Amino acid sequence: MTPENRAAYWSATLRLRVTLLVIGFLVSFGCGILLAEPLNEFHLGGFKLGFWFAQQGAMFAFVLLGILYALRMNRIDEQFDVREE
């Protein structure tokens, strides 16, 4: 792999990681803490939505983010020809 490809690969993986970390932060801290009061006006399964995000929604979001990370990293690996055989 050339130095230019290494830099592009690192940039793509770093951009993906930062994006997913920001989404995770927004879901857990934003929806679970900062926006809990406005979200509590809505209900999901008998529970206030703010409470649901703090207790359950963040876990579901992190699982989905993990799956998304794996799928996207496979595409990035194929793009830069560093995939595992």
C-alpha atoms as a PDB file:
ATOM      1  CA  MET A   1       0.000   0.000   0.000  1.00  0.00           C
ATOM      2  CA  THR A   2       1.397   3.375  -0.981  1.00  0.00           C
ATOM      3  CA  PRO A   3       1.736   6.182   1.555  1.00  0.00           C
ATOM      4  CA  GLU A   4      -1.055   8.094  -0.221  1.00  0.00           C
ATOM      5  CA  ASN A   5      -3.367   5.074   0.061  1.00  0.00           C
ATOM      6  CA  ARG A   6      -2.462   4.668   3.732  1.00  0.00           C
ATOM      7  CA  ALA A   7      -3.357   8.276   4.405  1.00  0.00           C
ATOM      8  CA  ALA A   8      -6.647   7.952   2.518  1.00  0.00           C
ATOM      9  CA  TYR A   9      -7.476   4.693   4.317  1.00  0.00           C
ATOM     10  CA  TRP A  10      -6.725   6.243   7.698  1.00  0.00           C
ATOM     11  CA  SER A  11      -8.801   9.292   6.824  1.00  0.00           C
ATOM     12  CA  ALA A  12     -11.782   7.150   5.780  1.00  0.00           C
ATOM     13  CA  THR A  13     -11.637   5.003   8.915  1.00  0.00           C
ATOM     14  CA  LEU A  14     -11.155   7.998  11.184  1.00  0.00           C
ATOM     15  CA  ARG A  15     -14.087   9.828   9.582  1.00  0.00           C
ATOM     16  CA  LEU A  16     -16.284   6.758  10.100  1.00  0.00           C
ATOM     17  CA  ARG A  17     -15.253   6.388  13.746  1.00  0.00           C
ATOM     18  CA  VAL A  18     -15.816  10.044  14.557  1.00  0.00           C
ATOM     19  CA  THR A  19     -19.206  10.035  12.838  1.00  0.00           C
ATOM     20  CA  LEU A  20     -20.382   6.961  14.744  1.00  0.00           C
ATOM     21  CA  LEU A  21     -19.045   8.305  18.039  1.00  0.00           C
ATOM     22  CA  VAL A  22     -20.924  11.576  17.526  1.00  0.00           C
ATOM     23  CA  ILE A  23     -24.139   9.674  16.735  1.00  0.00           C
ATOM     24  CA  GLY A  24     -23.642   7.520  19.845  1.00  0.00           C
ATOM     25  CA  PHE A  25     -23.064  10.614  21.964  1.00  0.00           C
ATOM     26  CA  LEU A  26     -26.158  12.328  20.590  1.00  0.00           C
ATOM     27  CA  VAL A  27     -28.333   9.290  21.258  1.00  0.00           C
ATOM     28  CA  SER A  28     -27.042   8.536  24.756  1.00  0.00           C
ATOM     29  CA  PHE A  29     -26.298  11.979  26.158  1.00  0.00           C
ATOM     30  CA  GLY A  30     -28.539  14.084  23.951  1.00  0.00           C
ATOM     31  CA  CYS A  31     -31.730  12.005  23.931  1.00  0.00           C
ATOM     32  CA  GLY A  32     -31.184  10.336  27.289  1.00  0.00           C
ATOM     33  CA  ILE A  33     -30.210  13.401  29.321  1.00  0.00           C
ATOM     34  CA  LEU A  34     -30.435  16.768  27.568  1.00  0.00           C
ATOM     35  CA  LEU A  35     -33.653  16.164  25.648  1.00  0.00           C
ATOM     36  CA  ALA A  36     -35.288  13.867  28.203  1.00  0.00           C
ATOM     37  CA  GLU A  37     -37.918  16.373  29.325  1.00  0.00           C
ATOM     38  CA  PRO A  38     -39.228  17.261  25.843  1.00  0.00           C
ATOM     39  CA  LEU A  39     -39.127  13.577  24.838  1.00  0.00           C
ATOM     40  CA  ASN A  40     -41.080  12.592  27.968  1.00  0.00           C
ATOM     41  CA  GLU A  41     -44.172  14.149  26.409  1.00  0.00           C
ATOM     42  CA  PHE A  42     -44.318  11.107  24.111  1.00  0.00           C
ATOM     43  CA  HIS A  43     -44.793   7.509  25.182  1.00  0.00           C
ATOM     44  CA  LEU A  44     -43.397   4.260  23.785  1.00  0.00           C
ATOM     45  CA  GLY A  45     -44.745   0.990  25.131  1.00  0.00           C
ATOM     46  CA  GLY A  46     -46.237   2.707  28.157  1.00  0.00           C
ATOM     47  CA  PHE A  47     -42.976   4.428  29.107  1.00  0.00           C
ATOM     48  CA  LYS A  48     -41.961   8.026  28.624  1.00  0.00           C
ATOM     49  CA  LEU A  49     -39.765   8.362  25.545  1.00  0.00           C
ATOM     50  CA  GLY A  50     -36.948  10.183  27.380  1.00  0.00           C
ATOM     51  CA  PHE A  51     -36.777   7.403  29.953  1.00  0.00           C
ATOM     52  CA  TRP A  52     -36.891   4.787  27.198  1.00  0.00           C
ATOM     53  CA  PHE A  53     -33.942   6.389  25.361  1.00  0.00           C
ATOM     54  CA  ALA A  54     -31.938   6.552  28.591  1.00  0.00           C
ATOM     55  CA  GLN A  55     -32.647   2.928  29.528  1.00  0.00           C
ATOM     56  CA  GLN A  56     -33.169   0.974  26.310  1.00  0.00           C
ATOM     57  CA  GLY A  57     -32.793   3.161  23.237  1.00  0.00           C
ATOM     58  CA  ALA A  58     -29.116   3.885  23.740  1.00  0.00           C
ATOM     59  CA  MET A  59     -28.329   0.164  23.943  1.00  0.00           C
ATOM     60  CA  PHE A  60     -30.217  -0.537  20.715  1.00  0.00           C
ATOM     61  CA  ALA A  61     -28.469   2.393  19.057  1.00  0.00           C
ATOM     62  CA  PHE A  62     -25.024   1.130  20.112  1.00  0.00           C
ATOM     63  CA  VAL A  63     -25.750  -2.357  18.765  1.00  0.00           C
ATOM     64  CA  LEU A  64     -26.875  -0.836  15.454  1.00  0.00           C
ATOM     65  CA  LEU A  65     -23.803   1.395  15.374  1.00  0.00           C
ATOM     66  CA  GLY A  66     -21.583  -1.656  15.894  1.00  0.00           C
ATOM     67  CA  ILE A  67     -23.242  -3.461  12.995  1.00  0.00           C
ATOM     68  CA  LEU A  68     -22.998  -0.352  10.830  1.00  0.00           C
ATOM     69  CA  TYR A  69     -19.312   0.009  11.712  1.00  0.00           C
ATOM     70  CA  ALA A  70     -18.545  -3.583  10.716  1.00  0.00           C
ATOM     71  CA  LEU A  71     -20.422  -3.293   7.404  1.00  0.00           C
ATOM     72  CA  ARG A  72     -18.888   0.049   6.495  1.00  0.00           C
ATOM     73  CA  MET A  73     -15.362  -1.060   7.465  1.00  0.00           C
ATOM     74  CA  ASN A  74     -15.726  -4.084   5.181  1.00  0.00           C
ATOM     75  CA  ARG A  75     -16.560  -1.726   2.313  1.00  0.00           C
ATOM     76  CA  ILE A  76     -13.632   0.556   3.153  1.00  0.00           C
ATOM     77  CA  ASP A  77     -11.303  -2.459   3.347  1.00  0.00           C
ATOM     78  CA  GLU A  78     -12.480  -3.624  -0.079  1.00  0.00           C
ATOM     79  CA  GLN A  79     -12.113  -0.133  -1.507  1.00  0.00           C
ATOM     80  CA  PHE A  80      -8.462   0.041  -0.396  1.00  0.00           C
ATOM     81  CA  ASP A  81      -7.802  -3.654  -1.075  1.00  0.00           C
ATOM     82  CA  VAL A  82      -6.878  -4.554   2.514  1.00  0.00           C
ATOM     83  CA  ARG A  83      -9.756  -6.931   3.200  1.00  0.00           C
ATOM     84  CA  GLU A  84      -9.251 -10.200   5.009  1.00  0.00           C
ATOM     85  CA  GLU A  85      -9.420 -13.395   2.986  1.00  0.00           C
END
